[in-house]
Amino acid sequence: MEGRHPSESLAILTDFVLTGETNSLNNLFGGELLARMDRAAGIAAGRHSRRVVVTASVNHVAFNRAIPLGSVVTVEAKVSRAFTSSMEVYIDVWVEDRQSGDKTKANEAIYTFVAVNETGNPVPVPPIIPETDLEKERYDAALRRKQLSLVLAGKMKPNDATELKALFV
């Protein structure tokens, strides 16, 4: 199976924060942002695998900055690494200043998706070929995150998590 570049999976969703999507502080509900990130990540994973995909896990979410009512929010998602049938998708959330047009990173997340066939069984996905320094950094870190998850779930012995172990040696 021929590899693909992360840029081929890029999904960008841009929208306003509306009144019905905010909490009592007039900031975007965290759950609303999670849904937007899930949609963008699902599109990215589907573009990479060219299959139906399902969310397997939300591995990391950082709500670093509140997103106020009326903001223009852009969610960018790209596959950072592909494994046998699963794909790690890295998501960056940007808030745009409507006067200057400047974008500030507000949040980020890492989701895992699995490609499935018509009966819902996992199917192989193409490997990722990172190009930029950031893509290479995220690609390498994805293996460490996967090993950590497997160790914590009891599906991998700590001594077998070589990439993760290398951080501590």
C-alpha atoms as a PDB file:
ATOM      1  CA  MET A   1       0.000   0.000   0.000  1.00  0.00           C
ATOM      2  CA  GLU A   2       1.456   3.317  -1.079  1.00  0.00           C
ATOM      3  CA  GLY A   3       2.070   5.907   1.638  1.00  0.00           C
ATOM      4  CA  ARG A   4       0.441   9.329   1.759  1.00  0.00           C
ATOM      5  CA  HIS A   5       1.545  12.715   3.050  1.00  0.00           C
ATOM      6  CA  PRO A   6      -0.223  14.336   6.018  1.00  0.00           C
ATOM      7  CA  SER A   7      -1.098  17.319   3.810  1.00  0.00           C
ATOM      8  CA  GLU A   8      -3.307  15.015   1.707  1.00  0.00           C
ATOM      9  CA  SER A   9      -5.548  14.460   4.722  1.00  0.00           C
ATOM     10  CA  LEU A  10      -5.814  18.104   5.803  1.00  0.00           C
ATOM     11  CA  ALA A  11      -9.345  19.109   6.810  1.00  0.00           C
ATOM     12  CA  ILE A  12     -10.161  22.711   7.708  1.00  0.00           C
ATOM     13  CA  LEU A  13     -13.465  23.762   9.272  1.00  0.00           C
ATOM     14  CA  THR A  14     -14.101  27.478   9.867  1.00  0.00           C
ATOM     15  CA  ASP A  15     -17.188  28.891  11.552  1.00  0.00           C
ATOM     16  CA  PHE A  16     -18.500  31.564  13.911  1.00  0.00           C
ATOM     17  CA  VAL A  17     -19.260  30.945  17.579  1.00  0.00           C
ATOM     18  CA  LEU A  18     -23.005  31.543  17.880  1.00  0.00           C
ATOM     19  CA  THR A  19     -25.172  32.319  20.919  1.00  0.00           C
ATOM     20  CA  GLY A  20     -26.631  28.814  21.251  1.00  0.00           C
ATOM     21  CA  GLU A  21     -23.111  27.328  21.373  1.00  0.00           C
ATOM     22  CA  THR A  22     -21.894  29.253  24.423  1.00  0.00           C
ATOM     23  CA  ASN A  23     -21.891  28.766  28.174  1.00  0.00           C
ATOM     24  CA  SER A  24     -22.926  31.270  30.848  1.00  0.00           C
ATOM     25  CA  LEU A  25     -19.610  33.106  30.387  1.00  0.00           C
ATOM     26  CA  ASN A  26     -20.360  33.570  26.668  1.00  0.00           C
ATOM     27  CA  ASN A  27     -17.537  31.228  25.651  1.00  0.00           C
ATOM     28  CA  LEU A  28     -17.830  28.264  23.289  1.00  0.00           C
ATOM     29  CA  PHE A  29     -18.991  25.109  25.100  1.00  0.00           C
ATOM     30  CA  GLY A  30     -16.172  22.569  25.399  1.00  0.00           C
ATOM     31  CA  GLY A  31     -18.502  19.875  24.073  1.00  0.00           C
ATOM     32  CA  GLU A  32     -19.280  21.956  20.999  1.00  0.00           C
ATOM     33  CA  LEU A  33     -15.557  22.330  20.319  1.00  0.00           C
ATOM     34  CA  LEU A  34     -15.062  18.571  20.824  1.00  0.00           C
ATOM     35  CA  ALA A  35     -17.766  17.890  18.228  1.00  0.00           C
ATOM     36  CA  ARG A  36     -16.154  20.270  15.738  1.00  0.00           C
ATOM     37  CA  MET A  37     -12.774  18.621  16.305  1.00  0.00           C
ATOM     38  CA  ASP A  38     -14.314  15.150  15.898  1.00  0.00           C
ATOM     39  CA  ARG A  39     -15.870  16.124  12.566  1.00  0.00           C
ATOM     40  CA  ALA A  40     -12.626  17.631  11.219  1.00  0.00           C
ATOM     41  CA  ALA A  41     -10.584  14.667  12.430  1.00  0.00           C
ATOM     42  CA  GLY A  42     -13.060  12.216  10.901  1.00  0.00           C
ATOM     43  CA  ILE A  43     -12.789  13.978   7.548  1.00  0.00           C
ATOM     44  CA  ALA A  44      -8.972  13.890   7.746  1.00  0.00           C
ATOM     45  CA  ALA A  45      -8.910  10.186   8.658  1.00  0.00           C
ATOM     46  CA  GLY A  46     -11.394   9.404   5.885  1.00  0.00           C
ATOM     47  CA  ARG A  47      -9.308  11.321   3.356  1.00  0.00           C
ATOM     48  CA  HIS A  48      -6.192   9.431   4.372  1.00  0.00           C
ATOM     49  CA  SER A  49      -7.730   5.955   4.437  1.00  0.00           C
ATOM     50  CA  ARG A  50     -10.392   6.523   1.765  1.00  0.00           C
ATOM     51  CA  ARG A  51     -12.625   4.368   3.955  1.00  0.00           C
ATOM     52  CA  VAL A  52     -15.406   4.781   6.479  1.00  0.00           C
ATOM     53  CA  VAL A  53     -13.794   5.697   9.803  1.00  0.00           C
ATOM     54  CA  VAL A  54     -14.932   5.608  13.410  1.00  0.00           C
ATOM     55  CA  THR A  55     -13.620   7.496  16.416  1.00  0.00           C
ATOM     56  CA  ALA A  56     -11.671   5.056  18.590  1.00  0.00           C
ATOM     57  CA  SER A  57     -10.451   7.461  21.264  1.00  0.00           C
ATOM     58  CA  VAL A  58      -9.857  11.031  22.255  1.00  0.00           C
ATOM     59  CA  ASN A  59      -6.278  10.797  23.481  1.00  0.00           C
ATOM     60  CA  HIS A  60      -5.608  14.385  24.449  1.00  0.00           C
ATOM     61  CA  VAL A  61      -7.490  17.665  24.580  1.00  0.00           C
ATOM     62  CA  ALA A  62      -6.065  20.958  25.774  1.00  0.00           C
ATOM     63  CA  PHE A  63      -8.508  23.805  26.347  1.00  0.00           C
ATOM     64  CA  ASN A  64      -5.799  26.448  26.608  1.00  0.00           C
ATOM     65  CA  ARG A  65      -7.842  29.506  25.750  1.00  0.00           C
ATOM     66  CA  ALA A  66     -11.528  30.384  25.987  1.00  0.00           C
ATOM     67  CA  ILE A  67     -13.209  31.085  22.657  1.00  0.00           C
ATOM     68  CA  PRO A  68     -15.677  33.970  23.031  1.00  0.00           C
ATOM     69  CA  LEU A  69     -19.053  34.481  21.389  1.00  0.00           C
ATOM     70  CA  GLY A  70     -18.719  35.864  17.866  1.00  0.00           C
ATOM     71  CA  SER A  71     -15.217  34.504  17.316  1.00  0.00           C
ATOM     72  CA  VAL A  72     -14.139  33.021  14.026  1.00  0.00           C
ATOM     73  CA  VAL A  73     -12.805  29.559  14.855  1.00  0.00           C
ATOM     74  CA  THR A  74     -10.757  27.369  12.523  1.00  0.00           C
ATOM     75  CA  VAL A  75     -10.216  23.684  13.262  1.00  0.00           C
ATOM     76  CA  GLU A  76      -7.362  22.080  11.302  1.00  0.00           C
ATOM     77  CA  ALA A  77      -6.909  18.310  11.383  1.00  0.00           C
ATOM     78  CA  LYS A  78      -4.248  16.104   9.758  1.00  0.00           C
ATOM     79  CA  VAL A  79      -3.320  12.460  10.136  1.00  0.00           C
ATOM     80  CA  SER A  80      -0.032  12.433  12.035  1.00  0.00           C
ATOM     81  CA  ARG A  81       0.615   8.674  11.889  1.00  0.00           C
ATOM     82  CA  ALA A  82      -1.046   5.554  10.566  1.00  0.00           C
ATOM     83  CA  PHE A  83      -0.732   2.130  12.125  1.00  0.00           C
ATOM     84  CA  THR A  84      -2.324  -1.106  10.907  1.00  0.00           C
ATOM     85  CA  SER A  85      -5.935   0.091  10.764  1.00  0.00           C
ATOM     86  CA  SER A  86      -5.809   3.066  13.106  1.00  0.00           C
ATOM     87  CA  MET A  87      -4.763   6.641  12.487  1.00  0.00           C
ATOM     88  CA  GLU A  88      -3.708   9.299  14.930  1.00  0.00           C
ATOM     89  CA  VAL A  89      -5.133  12.702  13.959  1.00  0.00           C
ATOM     90  CA  TYR A  90      -3.620  15.883  15.367  1.00  0.00           C
ATOM     91  CA  ILE A  91      -5.970  18.840  15.634  1.00  0.00           C
ATOM     92  CA  ASP A  92      -5.083  22.533  16.004  1.00  0.00           C
ATOM     93  CA  VAL A  93      -7.753  25.096  16.881  1.00  0.00           C
ATOM     94  CA  TRP A  94      -7.225  28.726  15.890  1.00  0.00           C
ATOM     95  CA  VAL A  95      -9.137  31.877  16.816  1.00  0.00           C
ATOM     96  CA  GLU A  96      -9.042  34.731  14.339  1.00  0.00           C
ATOM     97  CA  ASP A  97      -9.003  38.368  15.359  1.00  0.00           C
ATOM     98  CA  ARG A  98     -11.722  39.826  13.149  1.00  0.00           C
ATOM     99  CA  GLN A  99     -10.067  43.254  12.912  1.00  0.00           C
ATOM    100  CA  SER A 100      -6.447  42.274  12.229  1.00  0.00           C
ATOM    101  CA  GLY A 101      -6.991  38.809  10.745  1.00  0.00           C
ATOM    102  CA  ASP A 102      -4.275  37.444  13.046  1.00  0.00           C
ATOM    103  CA  LYS A 103      -4.776  33.838  14.162  1.00  0.00           C
ATOM    104  CA  THR A 104      -3.905  32.607  17.645  1.00  0.00           C
ATOM    105  CA  LYS A 105      -3.708  28.953  18.585  1.00  0.00           C
ATOM    106  CA  ALA A 106      -6.367  28.381  21.227  1.00  0.00           C
ATOM    107  CA  ASN A 107      -6.560  24.616  21.664  1.00  0.00           C
ATOM    108  CA  GLU A 108      -5.303  21.295  20.376  1.00  0.00           C
ATOM    109  CA  ALA A 109      -6.302  17.670  20.502  1.00  0.00           C
ATOM    110  CA  ILE A 110      -5.260  14.204  19.406  1.00  0.00           C
ATOM    111  CA  TYR A 111      -7.895  11.707  18.295  1.00  0.00           C
ATOM    112  CA  THR A 112      -7.559   8.123  17.074  1.00  0.00           C
ATOM    113  CA  PHE A 113      -9.724   6.774  14.269  1.00  0.00           C
ATOM    114  CA  VAL A 114     -10.039   3.266  12.839  1.00  0.00           C
ATOM    115  CA  ALA A 115     -10.858   2.529   9.211  1.00  0.00           C
ATOM    116  CA  VAL A 116     -13.595  -0.074   8.819  1.00  0.00           C
ATOM    117  CA  ASN A 117     -15.271  -2.029   6.043  1.00  0.00           C
ATOM    118  CA  GLU A 118     -19.010  -2.291   5.370  1.00  0.00           C
ATOM    119  CA  THR A 119     -19.453  -4.771   8.231  1.00  0.00           C
ATOM    120  CA  GLY A 120     -17.584  -2.591  10.708  1.00  0.00           C
ATOM    121  CA  ASN A 121     -14.397  -4.645  10.803  1.00  0.00           C
ATOM    122  CA  PRO A 122     -11.007  -2.863  10.836  1.00  0.00           C
ATOM    123  CA  VAL A 123      -9.158  -2.659   7.518  1.00  0.00           C
ATOM    124  CA  PRO A 124      -5.548  -1.698   6.712  1.00  0.00           C
ATOM    125  CA  VAL A 125      -4.677   1.929   6.023  1.00  0.00           C
ATOM    126  CA  PRO A 126      -1.774   3.416   4.062  1.00  0.00           C
ATOM    127  CA  PRO A 127       1.313   4.568   5.965  1.00  0.00           C
ATOM    128  CA  ILE A 128       2.072   8.253   6.505  1.00  0.00           C
ATOM    129  CA  ILE A 129       5.090   9.922   4.926  1.00  0.00           C
ATOM    130  CA  PRO A 130       5.807  13.064   6.971  1.00  0.00           C
ATOM    131  CA  GLU A 131       7.450  15.963   5.161  1.00  0.00           C
ATOM    132  CA  THR A 132       7.772  19.031   7.402  1.00  0.00           C
ATOM    133  CA  ASP A 133       9.686  19.197  10.686  1.00  0.00           C
ATOM    134  CA  LEU A 134       6.404  19.490  12.602  1.00  0.00           C
ATOM    135  CA  GLU A 135       4.925  16.493  10.770  1.00  0.00           C
ATOM    136  CA  LYS A 136       8.056  14.452  11.568  1.00  0.00           C
ATOM    137  CA  GLU A 137       7.925  15.484  15.220  1.00  0.00           C
ATOM    138  CA  ARG A 138       4.248  14.533  15.512  1.00  0.00           C
ATOM    139  CA  TYR A 139       4.861  11.282  13.608  1.00  0.00           C
ATOM    140  CA  ASP A 140       7.619  10.206  16.017  1.00  0.00           C
ATOM    141  CA  ALA A 141       5.621  11.235  19.095  1.00  0.00           C
ATOM    142  CA  ALA A 142       2.596   9.244  17.882  1.00  0.00           C
ATOM    143  CA  LEU A 143       4.458   5.960  18.327  1.00  0.00           C
ATOM    144  CA  ARG A 144       5.423   6.893  21.892  1.00  0.00           C
ATOM    145  CA  ARG A 145       1.806   7.811  22.664  1.00  0.00           C
ATOM    146  CA  LYS A 146       0.598   4.506  21.218  1.00  0.00           C
ATOM    147  CA  GLN A 147       3.136   2.543  23.241  1.00  0.00           C
ATOM    148  CA  LEU A 148       2.127   4.393  26.419  1.00  0.00           C
ATOM    149  CA  SER A 149      -1.545   3.610  25.775  1.00  0.00           C
ATOM    150  CA  LEU A 150      -0.749  -0.063  25.179  1.00  0.00           C
ATOM    151  CA  VAL A 151       1.358  -0.278  28.354  1.00  0.00           C
ATOM    152  CA  LEU A 152      -1.353   1.401  30.440  1.00  0.00           C
ATOM    153  CA  ALA A 153      -3.991  -0.947  28.988  1.00  0.00           C
ATOM    154  CA  GLY A 154      -1.826  -3.979  29.829  1.00  0.00           C
ATOM    155  CA  LYS A 155      -1.473  -4.899  26.164  1.00  0.00           C
ATOM    156  CA  MET A 156       2.281  -4.262  26.016  1.00  0.00           C
ATOM    157  CA  LYS A 157       5.037  -4.934  28.521  1.00  0.00           C
ATOM    158  CA  PRO A 158       6.901  -1.768  29.555  1.00  0.00           C
ATOM    159  CA  ASN A 159      10.204  -3.313  28.447  1.00  0.00           C
ATOM    160  CA  ASP A 160       8.818  -3.765  24.930  1.00  0.00           C
ATOM    161  CA  ALA A 161       7.939  -0.058  24.598  1.00  0.00           C
ATOM    162  CA  THR A 162      11.341   0.790  23.134  1.00  0.00           C
ATOM    163  CA  GLU A 163      10.476   4.240  21.763  1.00  0.00           C
ATOM    164  CA  LEU A 164       8.861   5.247  25.034  1.00  0.00           C
ATOM    165  CA  LYS A 165      11.717   3.829  27.092  1.00  0.00           C
ATOM    166  CA  ALA A 166      14.223   5.840  25.061  1.00  0.00           C
ATOM    167  CA  LEU A 167      12.801   9.022  26.619  1.00  0.00           C
ATOM    168  CA  PHE A 168      13.968   7.898  30.042  1.00  0.00           C
ATOM    169  CA  VAL A 169      17.332   6.320  29.262  1.00  0.00           C
END
